[in-house]
């Protein structure tokens, strides 16, 4: 279980590998903050460039933590990779829910290295009645 200083329990992605997708460092209702540390295992070349999938994964985890429901699933996203991430970089992602009608949500996510914005995206999610892997076609 991941908690923050406000003792709000994380209800989603409880088994996520935080070494790959970032560590939840702050969480309140409709807001999350994730610290992502880029490691050599994520590099794609001799310069230490990190594959964008790891950056996206941390942003996605931040968005899911913002919704904080066990049955939240990603439905769409629009991402902008604004600057490269390299081995040793620490990216801090902050997310805020900008739309919520109980079933559908939209979350804005920004990732920064110090004061430099390296990522921004909008994530669309839905909260299902059951876990997505327990649904039947007729549901």
Foldseek 3Di string as FASTA:
>chain_A
DDAEPVRDDQQAPPVPDCQQQFDWHDDDAQKTKGKHAQAQVQADDPQFWGPCVSVVSNQVVRNSSNNRHHAKDWDDKDKDFADTDGHGFIKMKMKGWPDDPPFKTKMWIWIDRVPHTGMIMIIIMGGDPDHPVPDDPVD
